[in-house]
C-alpha cells in the first residue's frame, strides 16, 4: 500500500514545516496549505487521507473550511482533525458538530497527534469508508450514495475499469499499481471539475474498479474527456521501451511469454430514465453489464 496523504492547513509557517518534516519522517506524504481557500482547492484536486486543520486562518476559518468540505459530495468523507488555539469546550463542540473527527489543543504533543492521525485513518479504512490507496470513498459510502439517488431522477451511474491493470501490476509491481490508482483518482476529480459539478460522486469499490455518479446530461462529456486524458497520460507510467512497443510482456506459469496492451479504460453507464430500480444491486449490475457490452 502507498503512503497515506496528509494535508496540513496551518498559517504558522514554523508549525506547518515542523509537521511536514515530522510526518514525512513517519512515512506520510504531506502537503501544506497556509490559507483556507487553498486547502479547499487542494482537497478537491488531490484527495488526502486526512486533513489536519487549524481553526484560526487568515482568510476563512477552519470551521468554514470544514463546513464546505462536508457539504460537497466528493470531499464529505475526508477525516479532519482540528488544531485549536485554546482548550475551549465551545470550539471543540462546534468542530464536532460540523463533522470533524477529532481535535487537539495547541501546544500539542506531536506523538499524541501522530496517534490521533493513525487512529482516524485506520477507522475510516476499517469501516470500509475509504480505499487506502486512492483515498476515495469505498463500500459503505458508495452504498449510501446509491440508496440516496435510487428514488430520485436525473442521475447516471458509471462503472469504470482499468483494462490490463493486473498485467501492469505483474510487470511493474504493487507500488507502481498503487501509483496508477492514485493517478486515476486525481484524474477523475480533475475531469469532474472540468465537465461535471461538485455534487458528483466518485467511489473506488476495489482495485481496478471506479464508480461515478453524475447527471444524465454530463455523462457523455465526462466519458469523452476522461478517456481522452487517460489515453494521453497513462503511457507515462510505463518505461520507454514498453511505450514504444505499445505493449508489455509477462510470462505465465509455464514460462510462455504473453503480450498485453497498455492500459485503457472500459466504461458503461446506466441512468434513472432507463429503468425503475427496486434495489441498489440492480444499478450496480446493469452499469457493469453496460461496461462489458462496451468493450
Protein backbone atom coordinates (compact mmCIF):
# COMPACT_ATOMS: atom_id res chain seq x y z
CA UNK A 1 0.00 0.00 0.00
CA UNK A 2 1.26 3.51 -0.79
CA UNK A 3 1.89 6.26 1.74
CA UNK A 4 -1.09 7.93 3.38
CA UNK A 5 -1.50 11.54 2.29
CA UNK A 6 -1.94 14.35 4.82
CA UNK A 7 -2.97 17.92 4.14
CA UNK A 8 -1.80 20.27 6.90
CA UNK A 9 -3.74 23.55 6.94
CA UNK A 10 -1.81 25.95 9.16
CA UNK A 11 -0.86 29.60 8.62
CA UNK A 12 2.03 29.50 11.11
CA UNK A 13 4.91 28.61 8.77
CA UNK A 14 7.10 27.21 11.56
CA UNK A 15 4.39 24.86 12.84
CA UNK A 16 3.43 23.83 9.30
CA UNK A 17 7.01 22.99 8.36
CA UNK A 18 7.56 21.15 11.63
CA UNK A 19 4.52 18.98 10.94
CA UNK A 20 5.63 18.40 7.35
CA UNK A 21 9.13 17.29 8.41
CA UNK A 22 7.85 15.08 11.22
CA UNK A 23 5.08 13.29 9.32
CA UNK A 24 7.30 12.87 6.26
CA UNK A 25 9.76 11.05 8.54
CA UNK A 26 6.83 8.85 9.65
CA UNK A 27 6.29 7.72 6.03
CA UNK A 28 3.41 10.05 5.12
CA UNK A 29 3.05 12.21 2.04
CA UNK A 30 2.48 15.74 3.36
CA UNK A 31 1.10 18.79 1.57
CA UNK A 32 0.75 22.23 3.15
CA UNK A 33 -1.85 24.96 2.81
CA UNK A 34 -1.45 28.30 4.62
CA UNK A 35 -4.95 29.56 3.78
CA UNK A 36 -8.40 28.00 3.94
CA UNK A 37 -9.23 28.70 0.31
CA UNK A 38 -6.04 26.98 -0.82
CA UNK A 39 -6.93 23.99 1.37
CA UNK A 40 -10.31 23.64 -0.35
CA UNK A 41 -8.69 23.76 -3.79
CA UNK A 42 -6.02 21.22 -2.87
CA UNK A 43 -8.54 18.82 -1.34
CA UNK A 44 -10.67 18.83 -4.47
CA UNK A 45 -7.65 18.36 -6.74
CA UNK A 46 -5.98 15.52 -4.82
CA UNK A 47 -7.96 13.90 -2.02
CA UNK A 48 -5.90 13.47 1.15
CA UNK A 49 -6.42 10.57 3.53
CA UNK A 50 -6.71 13.08 6.38
CA UNK A 51 -6.66 16.86 6.99
CA UNK A 52 -5.01 18.49 10.00
CA UNK A 53 -6.90 21.79 10.14
CA UNK A 54 -6.12 24.89 12.21
CA UNK A 55 -9.17 26.90 13.26
CA UNK A 56 -7.55 30.35 13.00
CA UNK A 57 -6.67 31.08 9.36
CA UNK A 58 -6.10 34.42 7.59
CA UNK A 59 -8.93 34.19 5.03
CA UNK A 60 -11.69 31.82 6.17
CA UNK A 61 -11.59 29.99 9.47
CA UNK A 62 -11.25 26.26 9.91
CA UNK A 63 -14.93 25.91 10.77
CA UNK A 64 -15.89 27.29 7.35
CA UNK A 65 -13.34 25.02 5.63
CA UNK A 66 -14.82 22.01 7.43
CA UNK A 67 -18.38 23.08 6.62
CA UNK A 68 -17.54 23.44 2.92
CA UNK A 69 -15.80 20.06 2.75
CA UNK A 70 -18.68 18.32 4.48
CA UNK A 71 -21.33 19.81 2.20
CA UNK A 72 -19.62 18.73 -1.06
CA UNK A 73 -20.16 15.14 -2.10
CA UNK A 74 -16.60 14.43 -3.22
CA UNK A 75 -14.95 15.70 -0.02
CA UNK A 76 -17.55 14.90 2.63
CA UNK A 77 -15.81 11.68 3.76
CA UNK A 78 -12.26 13.02 4.36
CA UNK A 79 -11.29 12.72 8.08
CA UNK A 80 -10.50 16.06 9.75
CA UNK A 81 -8.55 16.75 12.95
CA UNK A 82 -8.88 20.31 14.26
CA UNK A 83 -5.99 22.21 15.82
CA UNK A 84 -7.45 24.57 18.44
CA UNK A 85 -5.64 27.55 19.97
CA UNK A 86 -7.09 27.03 23.42
CA UNK A 87 -8.85 24.39 25.42
CA UNK A 88 -12.33 25.84 24.96
CA UNK A 89 -15.30 23.50 25.04
CA UNK A 90 -17.27 25.67 22.58
CA UNK A 91 -14.58 25.34 19.88
CA UNK A 92 -14.48 21.58 20.27
CA UNK A 93 -18.27 21.24 20.19
CA UNK A 94 -18.59 23.43 17.12
CA UNK A 95 -15.94 21.40 15.29
CA UNK A 96 -17.54 18.09 16.18
CA UNK A 97 -20.99 19.36 15.21
CA UNK A 98 -19.62 20.29 11.78
CA UNK A 99 -18.34 16.74 11.30
CA UNK A 100 -14.72 16.89 12.45
CA UNK A 101 -13.37 13.50 13.54
CA UNK A 102 -11.10 14.72 16.34
CA UNK A 103 -9.34 17.77 17.78
CA UNK A 104 -6.12 18.54 19.61
CA UNK A 105 -5.19 21.68 21.55
CA UNK A 106 -2.10 23.81 20.99
CA UNK A 107 0.59 23.48 22.21
CA UNK A 108 0.25 19.81 21.33
CA UNK A 109 2.34 16.70 21.83
CA UNK A 110 3.49 15.60 18.39
CA UNK A 111 3.36 11.92 19.37
CA UNK A 112 -0.25 12.33 20.52
CA UNK A 113 -1.14 13.98 17.21
CA UNK A 114 0.53 11.12 15.34
CA UNK A 115 -1.59 8.57 17.23
CA UNK A 116 -4.77 10.54 16.55
CA UNK A 117 -3.91 10.72 12.84
CA UNK A 118 -3.23 6.97 12.70
CA UNK A 119 -6.45 6.17 14.54
CA UNK A 120 -8.62 8.35 12.29
CA UNK A 121 -7.19 6.88 9.08
CA UNK A 122 -7.44 3.31 10.38
CA UNK A 123 -11.03 3.86 11.50
CA UNK A 124 -12.03 5.10 8.04
CA UNK A 125 -10.39 2.07 6.40
CA UNK A 126 -11.78 -0.49 8.88
CA UNK A 127 -15.31 0.85 8.46
CA UNK A 128 -14.96 0.47 4.66
CA UNK A 129 -15.32 4.22 4.26
CA UNK A 130 -12.30 4.83 2.04
CA UNK A 131 -9.86 2.90 -0.11
CA UNK A 132 -6.40 3.34 1.48
CA UNK A 133 -4.65 3.62 -1.89
CA UNK A 134 -6.81 6.19 -3.66
CA UNK A 135 -8.38 7.92 -0.66
CA UNK A 136 -11.74 7.68 -2.43
CA UNK A 137 -14.99 6.52 -0.81
CA UNK A 138 -15.35 2.74 -0.72
CA UNK A 139 -18.00 0.14 0.20
CA UNK A 140 -20.39 1.73 2.71
CA UNK A 141 -20.13 5.26 1.36
CA UNK A 142 -20.83 4.06 -2.18
CA UNK A 143 -23.87 2.14 -0.97
CA UNK A 144 -25.13 5.22 0.89
CA UNK A 145 -24.91 7.31 -2.27
CA UNK A 146 -26.76 4.68 -4.30
CA UNK A 147 -29.53 4.49 -1.69
CA UNK A 148 -29.77 8.28 -1.74
CA UNK A 149 -30.28 8.54 -5.51
CA UNK A 150 -32.41 5.43 -6.19
CA UNK A 151 -35.70 7.30 -5.61
CA UNK A 152 -34.54 10.43 -7.41
CA UNK A 153 -34.33 11.32 -11.08
CA UNK A 154 -31.79 12.76 -13.47
CA UNK A 155 -28.77 10.71 -12.39
CA UNK A 156 -26.34 8.37 -14.12
CA UNK A 157 -24.10 5.74 -12.52
CA UNK A 158 -20.92 5.00 -14.44
CA UNK A 159 -18.94 1.77 -13.95
CA UNK A 160 -15.29 2.27 -14.96
CA UNK A 161 -12.44 -0.27 -15.07
CA UNK A 162 -8.77 -0.15 -15.93
CA UNK A 163 -8.25 -2.78 -18.62
CA UNK A 164 -4.98 -4.75 -18.35
CA UNK A 165 -4.28 -3.32 -14.89
CA UNK A 166 -3.44 -6.77 -13.47
CA UNK A 167 -0.85 -7.34 -16.19
CA UNK A 168 0.66 -3.94 -15.40
CA UNK A 169 0.92 -4.83 -11.69
CA UNK A 170 2.51 -8.17 -12.54
CA UNK A 171 5.15 -6.47 -14.68
CA UNK A 172 5.78 -3.32 -12.61
CA UNK A 173 4.83 -4.32 -9.06
CA UNK A 174 2.23 -3.31 -6.48
CA UNK A 175 3.75 0.09 -5.70
CA UNK A 176 3.53 1.11 -9.36
CA UNK A 177 -0.04 -0.21 -9.37
CA UNK A 178 -0.89 1.99 -6.36
CA UNK A 179 0.56 4.98 -8.22
CA UNK A 180 -1.84 4.27 -11.11
CA UNK A 181 -4.81 4.13 -8.71
CA UNK A 182 -3.83 7.47 -7.19
CA UNK A 183 -3.41 8.91 -10.69
CA UNK A 184 -6.88 7.65 -11.61
CA UNK A 185 -8.42 9.24 -8.51
CA UNK A 186 -6.77 12.57 -9.32
CA UNK A 187 -7.81 12.33 -12.98
CA UNK A 188 -11.44 11.64 -12.11
CA UNK A 189 -11.54 14.64 -9.79
CA UNK A 190 -9.99 16.92 -12.42
CA UNK A 191 -12.33 15.75 -15.17
CA UNK A 192 -15.41 16.20 -12.98
CA UNK A 193 -14.19 19.69 -12.06
CA UNK A 194 -13.98 20.45 -15.80
CA UNK A 195 -17.19 18.84 -17.06
CA UNK A 196 -19.26 17.87 -14.02
CA UNK A 197 -20.21 19.51 -10.73
CA UNK A 198 -19.10 19.49 -7.05
CA UNK A 199 -22.12 17.31 -6.25
CA UNK A 200 -20.89 14.47 -8.47
CA UNK A 201 -19.64 11.43 -6.58
CA UNK A 202 -16.53 9.31 -7.15
CA UNK A 203 -16.13 5.91 -5.49
CA UNK A 204 -13.50 3.18 -5.53
CA UNK A 205 -15.13 -0.22 -4.84
CA UNK A 206 -11.81 -2.03 -5.21
CA UNK A 207 -8.61 -2.41 -7.19
CA UNK A 208 -9.24 -1.56 -10.88
CA UNK A 209 -12.91 -0.56 -10.47
CA UNK A 210 -14.25 3.00 -10.05
CA UNK A 211 -17.78 4.41 -9.83
CA UNK A 212 -19.01 7.88 -10.79
CA UNK A 213 -22.47 9.25 -10.02
CA UNK A 214 -23.33 12.32 -12.07
CA UNK A 215 -26.20 13.85 -14.04
CA UNK A 216 -27.51 12.33 -17.25
CA UNK A 217 -26.56 15.42 -19.25
CA UNK A 218 -22.95 15.38 -18.05
CA UNK A 219 -22.33 11.67 -18.70
CA UNK A 220 -21.10 11.79 -22.29
CA UNK A 221 -18.80 14.83 -21.88
CA UNK A 222 -17.27 13.22 -18.77
CA UNK A 223 -16.64 9.90 -20.51
CA UNK A 224 -15.16 11.53 -23.60
CA UNK A 225 -12.85 13.79 -21.62
CA UNK A 226 -11.87 11.01 -19.20
CA UNK A 227 -10.92 8.55 -21.92
CA UNK A 228 -9.01 11.18 -23.92
CA UNK A 229 -6.94 12.28 -20.94
CA UNK A 230 -6.36 8.72 -19.73
CA UNK A 231 -5.06 7.59 -23.13
CA UNK A 232 -2.82 10.65 -23.28
CA UNK A 233 -1.36 10.41 -19.78
CA UNK A 234 -1.23 6.71 -18.85
CA UNK A 235 1.86 5.97 -21.02
CA UNK A 236 3.98 7.96 -18.53
CA UNK A 237 3.55 5.06 -16.08
CA UNK A 238 5.42 2.72 -18.45
CA UNK A 239 9.12 2.61 -19.27
CA UNK A 240 10.41 3.92 -22.60
CA UNK A 241 10.65 0.51 -24.30
CA UNK A 242 7.11 -0.53 -23.37
CA UNK A 243 5.75 2.85 -24.50
CA UNK A 244 7.49 2.47 -27.84
CA UNK A 245 6.27 -1.11 -28.30
CA UNK A 246 2.74 -0.29 -27.20
CA UNK A 247 2.59 -3.42 -25.02
CA UNK A 248 4.21 -5.19 -22.08
CA UNK A 249 5.27 -8.82 -21.85
CA UNK A 250 4.57 -11.14 -18.93
CA UNK A 251 5.30 -14.85 -18.50
CA UNK A 252 2.69 -17.40 -17.42
CA UNK A 253 3.24 -20.39 -15.10
CA UNK A 254 4.51 -22.48 -18.00
CA UNK A 255 7.13 -19.90 -18.88
CA UNK A 256 5.32 -18.82 -22.03
CA UNK A 257 5.53 -15.06 -22.74
CA UNK A 258 2.31 -13.15 -23.32
CA UNK A 259 1.83 -9.63 -24.64
CA UNK A 260 -0.61 -7.18 -23.04
CA UNK A 261 -1.57 -3.77 -24.49
CA UNK A 262 -1.10 -0.61 -22.49
CA UNK A 263 -3.93 0.12 -20.08
CA UNK A 264 -7.15 1.63 -21.39
CA UNK A 265 -10.50 2.50 -19.81
CA UNK A 266 -13.62 0.38 -20.10
CA UNK A 267 -16.81 2.19 -19.07
CA UNK A 268 -20.56 1.70 -19.01
CA UNK A 269 -23.42 3.77 -17.66
CA UNK A 270 -26.99 3.33 -16.50
CA UNK A 271 -29.41 6.23 -15.96
CA UNK A 272 -32.51 6.86 -13.90
CA UNK A 273 -34.58 7.38 -17.05
CA UNK A 274 -33.80 3.89 -18.39
CA UNK A 275 -35.32 1.72 -15.65
CA UNK A 276 -37.25 1.69 -12.42
CA UNK A 277 -34.85 0.32 -9.83
CA UNK A 278 -36.04 -1.61 -6.78
CA UNK A 279 -32.61 -2.26 -5.27
CA UNK A 280 -29.15 -0.69 -5.48
CA UNK A 281 -27.73 -4.04 -6.62
CA UNK A 282 -29.72 -3.65 -9.85
CA UNK A 283 -27.97 -0.33 -10.51
CA UNK A 284 -24.53 -1.86 -9.96
CA UNK A 285 -25.25 -4.95 -12.06
CA UNK A 286 -26.73 -3.03 -15.01
CA UNK A 287 -23.89 -0.50 -15.03
CA UNK A 288 -21.36 -3.36 -15.03
CA UNK A 289 -23.24 -5.08 -17.84
CA UNK A 290 -23.23 -1.87 -19.88
CA UNK A 291 -19.45 -1.67 -19.38
CA UNK A 292 -18.96 -5.24 -20.54
CA UNK A 293 -21.02 -4.56 -23.68
CA UNK A 294 -18.88 -1.51 -24.48
CA UNK A 295 -15.60 -3.43 -24.60
